[in-house]
N, C-alpha and C. Protein backbone atom coordinates (compact mmCIF):
# COMPACT_ATOMS: atom_id res chain seq x y z
N UNK A 1 0.77 -1.40 -0.10
CA UNK A 1 -0.19 -0.08 -0.05
C UNK A 1 1.16 1.30 0.03
N UNK A 2 2.03 1.49 1.00
CA UNK A 2 3.05 2.45 0.86
C UNK A 2 3.41 2.85 -0.73
N UNK A 3 4.05 1.83 -1.06
CA UNK A 3 4.47 2.03 -2.51
C UNK A 3 3.73 2.45 -3.39
N UNK A 4 2.42 1.60 -3.33
CA UNK A 4 1.51 2.17 -4.67
C UNK A 4 0.93 3.56 -4.17
N UNK A 5 1.05 3.70 -3.07
CA UNK A 5 0.44 5.31 -2.73
C UNK A 5 1.98 6.27 -3.16
N UNK A 6 3.14 6.00 -2.90
CA UNK A 6 4.00 6.68 -3.29
C UNK A 6 4.10 7.46 -4.89
N UNK A 7 3.58 5.76 -5.89
CA UNK A 7 3.49 6.10 -7.11
C UNK A 7 2.77 7.21 -7.69
N UNK A 8 1.61 6.89 -6.55
CA UNK A 8 0.31 7.90 -7.20
C UNK A 8 1.06 9.12 -7.00
N UNK A 9 1.28 9.53 -5.53
CA UNK A 9 2.08 10.96 -5.25
C UNK A 9 2.89 11.17 -6.29
N UNK A 10 3.84 10.43 -6.42
CA UNK A 10 4.86 11.23 -7.32
C UNK A 10 4.19 11.49 -8.86
N UNK A 11 3.08 10.54 -8.90
CA UNK A 11 2.39 11.00 -10.61
C UNK A 11 1.95 12.12 -10.69
N UNK A 12 1.48 12.62 -9.10
CA UNK A 12 0.55 14.20 -9.04
C UNK A 12 1.72 14.85 -9.29
N UNK A 13 2.77 14.89 -8.57
CA UNK A 13 3.56 15.79 -8.58
C UNK A 13 4.50 15.94 -9.78
N UNK A 14 4.44 15.11 -10.92
CA UNK A 14 5.13 14.86 -12.02
C UNK A 14 4.01 15.82 -12.93
N UNK A 15 2.85 15.83 -12.68
CA UNK A 15 1.70 16.16 -13.69
C UNK A 15 1.42 17.60 -13.43
N UNK A 16 2.20 17.99 -12.01
CA UNK A 16 2.04 19.26 -11.57
C UNK A 16 2.78 20.49 -12.33
N UNK A 17 3.79 19.70 -12.98
CA UNK A 17 5.04 20.36 -13.85
C UNK A 17 4.16 20.87 -14.84
N UNK A 18 3.83 22.21 -14.90
CA UNK A 18 3.48 23.04 -16.02
C UNK A 18 4.48 23.49 -17.07
N UNK A 19 4.60 22.66 -18.20
CA UNK A 19 5.31 23.13 -19.36
C UNK A 19 5.24 24.19 -19.87
N UNK A 20 4.13 24.52 -20.05
CA UNK A 20 3.70 26.07 -20.55
C UNK A 20 4.49 26.78 -19.83
N UNK A 21 4.26 27.09 -18.41
CA UNK A 21 5.28 27.64 -17.64
C UNK A 21 6.51 27.95 -18.09
N UNK A 22 6.99 26.76 -17.54
CA UNK A 22 8.83 26.37 -17.62
C UNK A 22 9.20 26.75 -19.22
N UNK A 23 8.25 26.83 -20.31
CA UNK A 23 8.90 26.89 -21.46
C UNK A 23 8.69 28.37 -21.59
N UNK A 24 7.70 28.95 -21.38
CA UNK A 24 7.35 30.26 -21.32
C UNK A 24 8.92 31.14 -20.58
N UNK A 25 8.98 30.42 -19.62
CA UNK A 25 10.27 31.19 -18.62
C UNK A 25 11.46 31.22 -19.61
N UNK A 26 11.68 29.99 -20.31
CA UNK A 26 12.83 29.60 -21.21
C UNK A 26 13.00 30.44 -22.18
N UNK A 27 12.13 30.73 -22.37
CA UNK A 27 11.92 31.54 -24.07
C UNK A 27 11.66 33.05 -23.74
N UNK A 28 11.45 33.35 -22.70
CA UNK A 28 11.40 34.63 -21.97
C UNK A 28 9.88 35.38 -22.49
N UNK A 29 9.13 34.56 -22.29
CA UNK A 29 7.64 34.92 -22.66
C UNK A 29 6.88 35.24 -21.59
N UNK A 30 5.41 35.34 -21.59
CA UNK A 30 4.56 36.35 -20.64
C UNK A 30 3.86 35.02 -20.13
N UNK A 31 3.71 34.93 -18.77
CA UNK A 31 3.09 34.06 -17.93
C UNK A 31 1.84 33.51 -18.87
N UNK A 32 1.84 31.96 -19.44
CA UNK A 32 0.64 31.80 -20.07
C UNK A 32 -0.91 31.94 -19.50
N UNK A 33 -1.30 32.46 -17.80
CA UNK A 33 -1.78 32.34 -17.25
C UNK A 33 -2.51 33.89 -17.55
N UNK A 34 -1.75 34.97 -18.32
CA UNK A 34 -2.04 36.31 -18.39
C UNK A 34 -2.35 36.78 -19.45
N UNK A 35 -2.46 35.74 -20.28
CA UNK A 35 -3.19 36.43 -22.03
C UNK A 35 -3.82 35.26 -22.31
N UNK A 36 -4.71 35.92 -23.49
CA UNK A 36 -5.42 34.59 -24.38
C UNK A 36 -6.36 34.14 -23.71
N UNK A 37 -6.19 32.93 -23.63
CA UNK A 37 -7.60 31.62 -22.95
C UNK A 37 -6.96 31.85 -21.40
N UNK A 38 -5.91 32.09 -21.18
CA UNK A 38 -5.14 32.19 -19.81
C UNK A 38 -5.03 30.76 -19.29
N UNK A 39 -4.98 29.74 -20.54
CA UNK A 39 -4.64 28.42 -20.28
C UNK A 39 -3.66 27.44 -20.33
N UNK A 40 -2.61 27.59 -19.30
CA UNK A 40 -1.50 26.95 -19.37
C UNK A 40 -1.18 25.67 -20.45
N UNK A 41 -1.34 25.94 -21.52
CA UNK A 41 -1.25 24.99 -22.85
C UNK A 41 -0.57 25.21 -23.99
N UNK A 42 -0.28 24.46 -24.79
CA UNK A 42 0.19 24.54 -25.91
C UNK A 42 -0.17 25.41 -27.09
N UNK A 43 -2.10 25.54 -26.65
CA UNK A 43 -2.44 26.40 -27.95
C UNK A 43 -2.42 27.70 -27.63
N UNK A 44 -2.25 28.09 -26.17
CA UNK A 44 -2.36 29.36 -25.56
C UNK A 44 -1.00 30.05 -26.15
N UNK A 45 0.22 28.87 -25.46
CA UNK A 45 1.58 29.36 -25.92
C UNK A 45 1.93 29.80 -27.44
N UNK A 46 0.91 29.08 -28.35
CA UNK A 46 1.02 29.55 -29.84
C UNK A 46 0.67 31.17 -29.87
N UNK A 47 -0.26 31.43 -29.51
CA UNK A 47 -0.56 32.97 -29.15
C UNK A 47 0.18 33.71 -29.51
N UNK A 48 1.45 33.68 -28.91
CA UNK A 48 2.55 34.37 -28.59
C UNK A 48 3.48 34.47 -30.02
N UNK A 49 2.92 33.65 -30.89
CA UNK A 49 3.93 33.55 -32.15
C UNK A 49 4.91 32.51 -32.13
N UNK A 50 5.30 32.20 -31.21
CA UNK A 50 6.60 31.33 -30.55
C UNK A 50 6.47 29.77 -30.90
N UNK A 51 6.38 29.17 -32.12
CA UNK A 51 6.17 28.02 -32.30
C UNK A 51 6.65 26.55 -31.63
N UNK A 52 8.22 27.48 -31.41
CA UNK A 52 9.06 26.11 -30.77
C UNK A 52 8.56 26.15 -29.48
N UNK A 53 8.26 27.12 -28.84
CA UNK A 53 7.72 27.08 -27.20
C UNK A 53 6.46 26.24 -26.96
N UNK A 54 5.44 26.50 -28.33
CA UNK A 54 4.12 25.78 -28.24
C UNK A 54 4.54 24.27 -28.16
N UNK A 55 5.41 24.05 -29.48
CA UNK A 55 5.73 22.70 -29.65
C UNK A 55 6.68 22.08 -28.24
N UNK A 56 7.12 22.61 -27.50
CA UNK A 56 8.02 22.01 -26.60
C UNK A 56 6.99 22.08 -25.48
N UNK A 57 5.70 22.76 -25.21
CA UNK A 57 4.97 22.31 -23.97
C UNK A 57 3.98 21.37 -24.84
N UNK A 58 3.58 21.04 -25.79
CA UNK A 58 3.03 19.97 -26.11
C UNK A 58 4.12 18.76 -25.78
N UNK A 59 5.01 18.83 -26.34
CA UNK A 59 5.84 17.75 -26.11
C UNK A 59 5.92 17.36 -24.56
N UNK A 60 6.22 18.40 -23.99
CA UNK A 60 6.45 18.14 -22.53
C UNK A 60 5.05 17.64 -21.54
N UNK A 61 3.98 18.35 -21.67
CA UNK A 61 2.91 17.93 -21.24
C UNK A 61 2.25 16.41 -21.63
N UNK A 62 3.09 16.17 -23.01
CA UNK A 62 2.36 14.74 -23.31
C UNK A 62 3.37 13.66 -22.46
N UNK A 63 4.86 14.38 -22.51
CA UNK A 63 5.57 13.28 -21.84
C UNK A 63 5.34 12.89 -20.51
N UNK A 64 5.37 13.86 -19.52
CA UNK A 64 4.83 13.46 -18.33
C UNK A 64 3.70 12.51 -18.06
N UNK A 65 2.88 12.74 -19.06
CA UNK A 65 1.92 11.80 -18.72
C UNK A 65 2.08 10.17 -18.92
N UNK A 66 3.20 10.04 -20.22
CA UNK A 66 3.77 9.19 -20.58
C UNK A 66 4.53 8.39 -19.37
N UNK A 67 5.46 9.25 -19.12
CA UNK A 67 6.54 8.57 -18.04
C UNK A 67 6.11 8.28 -16.90
N UNK A 68 4.90 9.00 -16.03
CA UNK A 68 4.37 8.56 -15.23
C UNK A 68 3.56 7.03 -14.97
N UNK A 69 3.02 6.80 -16.14
CA UNK A 69 2.47 5.56 -16.72
C UNK A 69 3.58 4.59 -16.83
N UNK A 70 4.21 4.93 -17.65
CA UNK A 70 5.60 4.11 -17.67
C UNK A 70 6.55 3.80 -16.71
N UNK A 71 6.68 4.57 -15.69
CA UNK A 71 7.07 3.87 -14.58
C UNK A 71 6.36 3.00 -13.59
N UNK A 72 5.20 3.60 -13.35
CA UNK A 72 4.41 2.71 -12.69
C UNK A 72 4.24 1.20 -13.39
N UNK A 73 4.31 1.15 -14.63
CA UNK A 73 3.98 -0.39 -15.37
C UNK A 73 5.43 -1.05 -15.26
N UNK A 74 6.42 -0.54 -15.51
CA UNK A 74 7.85 -0.70 -15.62
C UNK A 74 8.63 -0.89 -14.41
N UNK A 75 8.43 -0.06 -13.68
CA UNK A 75 9.45 -0.09 -12.35
C UNK A 75 8.40 -0.44 -11.11
N UNK A 76 7.23 -0.10 -11.18
CA UNK A 76 5.90 -0.30 -9.95
C UNK A 76 6.21 -1.79 -9.67
N UNK A 77 6.35 -2.96 -10.51
CA UNK A 77 6.38 -4.34 -9.88
C UNK A 77 7.42 -4.65 -9.00
N UNK A 78 8.77 -4.14 -9.05
CA UNK A 78 9.55 -4.49 -8.56
C UNK A 78 9.71 -3.53 -7.39
N UNK A 79 8.85 -2.72 -6.98
CA UNK A 79 8.49 -2.49 -5.32
C UNK A 79 7.34 -2.85 -4.73
N UNK A 80 6.84 -3.74 -6.12
CA UNK A 80 5.63 -4.25 -5.31
C UNK A 80 3.93 -3.78 -5.18
N UNK A 81 4.17 -2.60 -6.13
CA UNK A 81 2.65 -2.18 -5.86
C UNK A 81 1.32 -2.69 -6.61
N UNK A 82 0.37 -2.62 -6.00
CA UNK A 82 -0.71 -2.89 -6.61
C UNK A 82 -1.38 -2.99 -7.74
N UNK A 83 -2.25 -3.45 -8.21
CA UNK A 83 -2.33 -3.85 -9.73
C UNK A 83 -3.24 -2.60 -9.88
N UNK A 84 -4.06 -1.88 -8.84
CA UNK A 84 -4.66 -0.62 -9.00
C UNK A 84 -3.55 0.68 -9.08
N UNK A 85 -2.46 0.36 -8.92
CA UNK A 85 -1.67 1.52 -8.95
C UNK A 85 -1.76 2.15 -10.48
N UNK A 86 -1.52 1.26 -11.40
CA UNK A 86 -1.35 2.12 -12.57
C UNK A 86 -2.57 3.06 -13.21
N UNK A 87 -3.74 2.08 -13.01
CA UNK A 87 -4.97 3.47 -13.53
C UNK A 87 -5.03 4.61 -12.17
N UNK A 88 -4.49 4.62 -10.97
CA UNK A 88 -4.25 5.47 -10.01
C UNK A 88 -3.54 6.39 -10.55
N UNK A 89 -2.44 6.12 -10.95
CA UNK A 89 -1.32 6.97 -11.68
C UNK A 89 -1.35 7.70 -12.85
N UNK A 90 -2.35 6.96 -13.71
CA UNK A 90 -2.95 7.61 -14.80
C UNK A 90 -4.05 8.59 -14.51
N UNK A 91 -4.41 8.72 -13.65
CA UNK A 91 -5.58 9.61 -13.32
C UNK A 91 -4.67 10.82 -12.36
N UNK A 92 -3.84 10.37 -11.51
CA UNK A 92 -3.19 11.25 -10.68
C UNK A 92 -2.59 12.11 -11.48
N UNK A 93 -1.49 11.46 -12.65
CA UNK A 93 -0.75 12.74 -13.40
C UNK A 93 -1.54 13.69 -14.25
N UNK A 94 -2.63 13.24 -14.49
CA UNK A 94 -3.83 13.90 -15.54
C UNK A 94 -4.24 14.92 -14.31
N UNK A 95 -4.61 14.79 -13.04
CA UNK A 95 -5.24 15.69 -12.17
C UNK A 95 -4.36 16.70 -11.78
N UNK A 96 -3.08 15.97 -11.66
CA UNK A 96 -1.88 17.18 -11.50
C UNK A 96 -1.59 18.10 -12.54
N UNK A 97 -1.93 17.88 -13.32
CA UNK A 97 -1.86 18.86 -14.77
C UNK A 97 -2.83 19.97 -14.31
N UNK A 98 -4.40 19.14 -14.06
CA UNK A 98 -5.29 20.36 -14.14
C UNK A 98 -4.97 21.15 -13.00
N UNK A 99 -4.69 20.45 -11.91
CA UNK A 99 -4.52 21.49 -10.65
C UNK A 99 -3.22 20.90 -10.02
N UNK A 100 -2.12 21.83 -10.51
CA UNK A 100 -1.09 21.88 -10.38
C UNK A 100 -0.51 22.35 -8.64
N UNK A 101 0.42 22.04 -8.19
CA UNK A 101 0.60 22.25 -6.40
C UNK A 101 1.41 23.21 -6.81
N UNK A 102 2.38 23.05 -7.89
CA UNK A 102 3.32 23.95 -7.86
C UNK A 102 2.89 25.23 -8.76
N UNK A 103 1.65 25.62 -9.36
CA UNK A 103 1.21 26.55 -9.72
C UNK A 103 -0.08 27.50 -9.49
N UNK A 104 -0.29 26.89 -8.10
CA UNK A 104 -1.49 27.58 -7.73
C UNK A 104 -3.18 26.89 -8.04
N UNK A 105 -2.31 25.68 -8.04
CA UNK A 105 -3.68 24.46 -8.97
C UNK A 105 -4.60 25.33 -10.20
N UNK A 106 -3.94 26.21 -10.77
CA UNK A 106 -4.22 27.00 -11.94
C UNK A 106 -3.61 26.24 -13.20
N UNK A 107 -4.70 25.16 -13.47
CA UNK A 107 -3.69 24.38 -14.41
C UNK A 107 -4.71 24.35 -15.92
N UNK A 108 -3.90 23.33 -16.85
CA UNK A 108 -4.39 23.55 -18.19
C UNK A 108 -5.50 22.59 -18.24
N UNK A 109 -5.83 22.42 -19.67
CA UNK A 109 -7.13 21.47 -19.91
C UNK A 109 -6.75 20.04 -20.12
N UNK A 110 -5.67 19.65 -20.11
CA UNK A 110 -4.87 18.14 -19.86
C UNK A 110 -5.45 17.43 -21.38
N UNK A 111 -5.12 17.96 -22.53
CA UNK A 111 -5.19 17.31 -23.60
C UNK A 111 -3.82 16.75 -24.00
N UNK A 112 -2.77 17.28 -23.84
CA UNK A 112 -1.69 16.59 -24.26
C UNK A 112 -1.14 15.43 -23.06
N UNK A 113 -1.41 15.63 -21.86
CA UNK A 113 -1.00 14.89 -20.87
C UNK A 113 -2.02 13.75 -20.72
N UNK A 114 -3.16 13.83 -21.35
CA UNK A 114 -3.94 12.64 -21.44
C UNK A 114 -3.70 11.94 -22.92
N UNK A 115 -3.09 12.50 -23.67
CA UNK A 115 -2.62 11.74 -24.73
C UNK A 115 -1.25 10.69 -24.46
N UNK A 116 -0.69 11.35 -23.41
CA UNK A 116 0.79 10.80 -22.99
C UNK A 116 0.49 9.47 -22.21
N UNK A 117 -1.09 9.66 -21.20
CA UNK A 117 -1.13 8.56 -20.34
C UNK A 117 -1.69 7.44 -21.58
N UNK A 118 -2.36 8.00 -22.60
CA UNK A 118 -3.23 6.74 -23.40
C UNK A 118 -2.00 6.26 -24.32
N UNK A 119 -1.01 6.84 -24.66
CA UNK A 119 0.30 6.19 -25.45
C UNK A 119 1.19 5.37 -24.61
N UNK A 120 1.31 5.43 -23.35
CA UNK A 120 1.84 4.64 -22.34
C UNK A 120 1.37 3.27 -22.34
N UNK A 121 -0.15 3.45 -21.71
CA UNK A 121 -1.10 2.22 -21.53
C UNK A 121 -1.66 1.58 -22.80
N UNK A 122 -1.65 2.10 -23.83
CA UNK A 122 -1.91 1.09 -25.26
C UNK A 122 -1.80 2.07 -26.27
N UNK A 123 -0.14 2.17 -26.78
CA UNK A 123 0.08 3.00 -27.94
C UNK A 123 -0.76 3.07 -29.41
N UNK A 124 -1.32 1.91 -29.98
CA UNK A 124 -1.82 1.56 -30.83
C UNK A 124 -3.24 2.51 -31.01
N UNK A 125 -3.98 3.03 -29.64
CA UNK A 125 -5.00 3.43 -29.25
C UNK A 125 -4.72 4.65 -29.50
N UNK A 126 -3.41 4.96 -28.82
CA UNK A 126 -3.00 6.65 -28.80
C UNK A 126 -2.70 7.09 -30.20
N UNK A 127 -2.07 6.23 -31.12
CA UNK A 127 -2.10 6.19 -32.25
C UNK A 127 -3.61 6.94 -33.15
N UNK A 128 -4.60 6.20 -32.82
CA UNK A 128 -5.54 6.22 -33.66
C UNK A 128 -6.70 7.16 -33.21
N UNK A 129 -6.26 7.64 -31.68
CA UNK A 129 -6.99 8.81 -31.28
C UNK A 129 -6.20 10.16 -31.78
N UNK A 130 -4.92 10.14 -31.43
CA UNK A 130 -4.18 11.11 -32.47
C UNK A 130 -4.40 11.38 -34.14
N UNK A 131 -4.57 10.39 -34.49
CA UNK A 131 -4.86 10.56 -35.82
C UNK A 131 -6.18 11.54 -36.23
N UNK A 132 -7.25 10.97 -34.95
CA UNK A 132 -8.25 11.34 -35.28
C UNK A 132 -8.31 13.16 -34.89
N UNK A 133 -7.59 13.20 -33.77
CA UNK A 133 -7.41 14.80 -33.28
C UNK A 133 -6.77 15.58 -34.75
N UNK A 134 -6.02 14.87 -35.16
CA UNK A 134 -5.18 15.48 -36.56
C UNK A 134 -6.10 15.62 -37.56
N UNK A 135 -7.04 14.66 -37.74
CA UNK A 135 -7.86 14.82 -38.56
C UNK A 135 -8.91 15.87 -38.51
N UNK A 136 -9.69 16.17 -37.39
CA UNK A 136 -10.84 16.84 -37.16
C UNK A 136 -10.02 18.51 -37.26
N UNK A 137 -8.65 18.50 -36.24
CA UNK A 137 -8.02 19.40 -36.29
C UNK A 137 -7.77 20.34 -37.60
N UNK A 138 -7.29 19.61 -38.37
CA UNK A 138 -6.67 20.20 -39.82
C UNK A 138 -7.95 20.31 -40.72
N UNK A 139 -9.14 19.36 -40.42
CA UNK A 139 -10.48 19.62 -41.65
C UNK A 139 -11.26 20.95 -40.65
N UNK A 140 -11.25 21.07 -39.63
CA UNK A 140 -12.05 22.26 -39.01
C UNK A 140 -11.23 23.31 -38.27
N UNK A 141 -10.20 23.39 -38.01
CA UNK A 141 -9.16 24.12 -37.56
C UNK A 141 -9.67 24.70 -36.36
N UNK A 142 -10.30 23.58 -35.49
CA UNK A 142 -10.44 24.11 -34.38
C UNK A 142 -10.21 23.19 -33.22
N UNK A 143 -8.78 23.25 -32.49
CA UNK A 143 -8.15 22.88 -31.39
C UNK A 143 -9.34 22.01 -30.52
N UNK A 144 -10.46 22.47 -30.06
CA UNK A 144 -11.28 22.29 -28.87
C UNK A 144 -12.16 21.17 -29.77
N UNK A 145 -12.43 21.33 -30.50
CA UNK A 145 -13.49 20.24 -31.37
C UNK A 145 -12.67 19.04 -31.48
N UNK A 146 -11.48 19.27 -32.02
CA UNK A 146 -10.23 17.84 -32.14
C UNK A 146 -10.40 17.26 -30.73
N UNK A 147 -10.31 17.97 -29.74
CA UNK A 147 -9.94 17.37 -28.50
C UNK A 147 -11.45 16.75 -27.62
N UNK A 148 -12.26 17.64 -28.18
CA UNK A 148 -13.64 16.69 -27.65
C UNK A 148 -13.81 15.25 -28.24
N UNK A 149 -13.83 15.76 -29.58
CA UNK A 149 -14.25 14.37 -30.14
C UNK A 149 -13.32 13.16 -29.79
N UNK A 150 -11.80 13.59 -29.74
CA UNK A 150 -10.83 12.22 -29.13
C UNK A 150 -11.31 11.83 -27.84
N UNK A 151 -11.61 12.49 -26.90
CA UNK A 151 -12.14 12.92 -25.60
C UNK A 151 -13.62 11.75 -25.63
N UNK A 152 -14.46 11.97 -26.65
CA UNK A 152 -15.57 11.41 -26.45
C UNK A 152 -15.28 9.81 -26.69
N UNK A 153 -13.99 9.71 -27.57
CA UNK A 153 -14.03 8.18 -27.87
C UNK A 153 -12.91 7.75 -27.27
N UNK A 154 -12.56 8.06 -26.36
CA UNK A 154 -11.31 7.45 -25.29
C UNK A 154 -12.11 6.47 -24.62
N UNK A 155 -13.32 6.52 -23.66
CA UNK A 155 -13.66 5.47 -22.95
C UNK A 155 -13.64 4.18 -23.97
N UNK A 156 -14.73 4.75 -24.95
CA UNK A 156 -15.08 3.38 -25.59
C UNK A 156 -13.91 2.60 -26.24
N UNK A 157 -13.08 3.05 -26.50
CA UNK A 157 -11.64 2.83 -27.06
C UNK A 157 -10.90 2.17 -26.38
N UNK A 158 -10.68 2.58 -24.99
CA UNK A 158 -10.31 1.83 -24.05
C UNK A 158 -10.84 0.69 -23.63
N UNK A 159 -12.12 0.59 -23.64
CA UNK A 159 -12.67 -0.92 -23.06
C UNK A 159 -12.65 -1.70 -24.05
N UNK A 160 -12.59 -1.42 -25.23
CA UNK A 160 -12.21 -2.15 -26.68
C UNK A 160 -10.94 -2.60 -26.38
N UNK A 161 -9.78 -2.21 -26.24
CA UNK A 161 -8.74 -2.69 -26.56
C UNK A 161 -8.25 -3.19 -24.83
N UNK A 162 -8.55 -2.74 -23.75
CA UNK A 162 -8.12 -3.12 -22.41
C UNK A 162 -9.33 -4.08 -21.62
N UNK A 163 -10.25 -4.06 -22.35
CA UNK A 163 -11.55 -4.67 -21.58
C UNK A 163 -12.33 -4.33 -20.75
N UNK A 164 -12.91 -4.96 -20.04
CA UNK A 164 -13.72 -4.21 -18.41
C UNK A 164 -12.38 -4.23 -17.29
N UNK A 165 -11.54 -3.59 -17.57
CA UNK A 165 -10.50 -3.19 -16.22
C UNK A 165 -10.30 -1.84 -15.87
N UNK A 166 -9.65 -1.87 -14.59
CA UNK A 166 -9.57 -0.44 -13.90
C UNK A 166 -9.02 0.13 -14.45
N UNK A 167 -8.31 0.02 -15.41
CA UNK A 167 -7.47 0.93 -16.70
C UNK A 167 -8.18 1.35 -17.66
N UNK A 168 -9.17 0.93 -17.62
CA UNK A 168 -10.10 1.12 -18.64
C UNK A 168 -11.18 2.03 -18.27
N UNK A 169 -11.69 2.00 -17.09
CA UNK A 169 -12.45 2.72 -16.19
C UNK A 169 -11.83 4.16 -15.83
N UNK A 170 -10.69 3.80 -15.68
CA UNK A 170 -10.04 5.14 -15.27
C UNK A 170 -10.20 6.63 -16.27
N UNK A 171 -10.43 5.93 -17.45
CA UNK A 171 -10.21 6.74 -19.01
C UNK A 171 -11.53 7.83 -18.89
N UNK A 172 -12.38 6.70 -18.27
CA UNK A 172 -14.00 7.68 -18.24
C UNK A 172 -13.77 9.17 -17.35
N UNK A 173 -13.38 8.89 -16.02
CA UNK A 173 -13.06 10.28 -15.56
C UNK A 173 -12.22 11.32 -16.14
N UNK A 174 -11.12 10.70 -16.80
CA UNK A 174 -10.35 11.49 -17.14
C UNK A 174 -11.05 12.23 -19.00
N UNK A 175 -11.88 11.69 -19.25
CA UNK A 175 -12.69 11.77 -20.46
C UNK A 175 -13.69 12.93 -19.93
N UNK A 176 -14.51 12.62 -18.87
CA UNK A 176 -15.48 13.93 -18.17
C UNK A 176 -14.38 14.90 -17.92
N UNK A 177 -13.47 14.81 -17.24
CA UNK A 177 -12.75 16.20 -16.95
C UNK A 177 -12.13 16.67 -17.89
N UNK A 178 -11.85 16.34 -19.08
CA UNK A 178 -11.60 16.75 -20.48
C UNK A 178 -12.92 17.95 -20.98
N UNK A 179 -13.94 17.06 -21.08
CA UNK A 179 -15.24 18.07 -21.08
C UNK A 179 -15.57 18.99 -20.23
N UNK A 180 -14.83 18.92 -19.22
CA UNK A 180 -15.26 19.78 -18.13
C UNK A 180 -14.80 21.08 -18.11
N UNK A 181 -13.11 20.90 -18.54
CA UNK A 181 -12.45 21.60 -18.60
C UNK A 181 -12.62 22.58 -19.81
N UNK A 182 -13.10 21.96 -20.86
CA UNK A 182 -13.60 22.46 -22.11
C UNK A 182 -14.88 23.15 -22.34
N UNK A 183 -15.80 23.28 -20.81
CA UNK A 183 -17.00 24.08 -20.85
C UNK A 183 -16.92 25.04 -21.93
N UNK A 184 -15.96 25.96 -21.58
CA UNK A 184 -16.23 27.63 -21.96
C UNK A 184 -16.30 27.22 -23.40
N UNK A 185 -15.01 26.66 -24.40
CA UNK A 185 -15.21 25.93 -25.59
C UNK A 185 -16.19 25.61 -26.10
N UNK A 186 -17.21 24.82 -25.20
CA UNK A 186 -18.43 23.99 -26.24
C UNK A 186 -19.65 24.97 -26.28
N UNK A 187 -19.43 25.87 -24.85
CA UNK A 187 -20.38 27.23 -25.11
C UNK A 187 -20.08 27.96 -26.58
N UNK A 188 -18.87 28.08 -26.84
CA UNK A 188 -18.58 29.31 -28.00
C UNK A 188 -18.62 28.47 -28.80
N UNK A 189 -18.56 26.81 -29.03
CA UNK A 189 -18.78 25.98 -30.28
C UNK A 189 -20.19 25.87 -30.97
N UNK A 190 -20.94 25.96 -29.59
CA UNK A 190 -22.61 25.74 -29.84
C UNK A 190 -23.12 27.35 -30.18
N UNK A 191 -22.39 28.68 -29.89
CA UNK A 191 -22.70 29.79 -30.33
C UNK A 191 -22.00 30.21 -31.57
N UNK A 192 -21.11 29.38 -32.16
CA UNK A 192 -20.48 29.35 -33.49
C UNK A 192 -19.46 30.63 -33.29
N UNK A 193 -18.82 30.88 -32.08
CA UNK A 193 -18.01 31.97 -32.08
C UNK A 193 -16.17 31.58 -31.63
N UNK A 194 -16.08 30.16 -31.32
CA UNK A 194 -15.03 29.46 -31.22
C UNK A 194 -14.00 29.55 -32.28
N UNK A 195 -12.92 30.25 -31.65
CA UNK A 195 -11.58 30.93 -32.77
C UNK A 195 -10.61 29.44 -33.34
N UNK A 196 -10.40 29.59 -34.40
CA UNK A 196 -9.77 28.89 -35.32
C UNK A 196 -8.14 28.88 -34.43
N UNK A 197 -7.61 27.65 -35.07
CA UNK A 197 -6.24 27.43 -34.89
C UNK A 197 -5.17 28.14 -35.65
N UNK A 198 -4.51 29.16 -35.15
CA UNK A 198 -3.44 29.91 -35.84
C UNK A 198 -4.35 31.56 -35.66
N UNK A 199 -5.35 31.58 -35.51
CA UNK A 199 -6.10 32.86 -35.49
C UNK A 199 -5.54 33.83 -34.09
């Protein structure tokens, strides 16, 4: 129990590292909480016009989701962690991104981190959802619509490839939280006022 709990706490702390904030400081950009959507994520960082910073934010936020789950899967067994630790770690690193202890609990929307989690759990599913996100993003040029489409298909995809498992069930709250974090975007989509990528 102690080892399993330690992995979950460590995952939350890993998720709490906001790469939007870290990258912005590295490139001398404004705090992402202070402009645009005020969301510390790659899409908002892109509003500065610095594509390198946006890409690094995307990669970093995705990598931390992947790393936390990977460590729980590969190193966890040698510490005797319980079976529930992997899905708990997946949820913890995602929640850490949404509510980061290092940044006043003002986190991002979690799309990249969720993607990293899925790639660690089942990379073919990650590729499929990533391709879907890209197709919607390119076709409609609306980042939030692409994210919501992928989020909607995450739970059924997880149950299909992972079966009726605790790990698949962990994807349900992740998908619901993705929708909740995009609630403003949903209202704007319904009103026809959602911004397009690059605008």
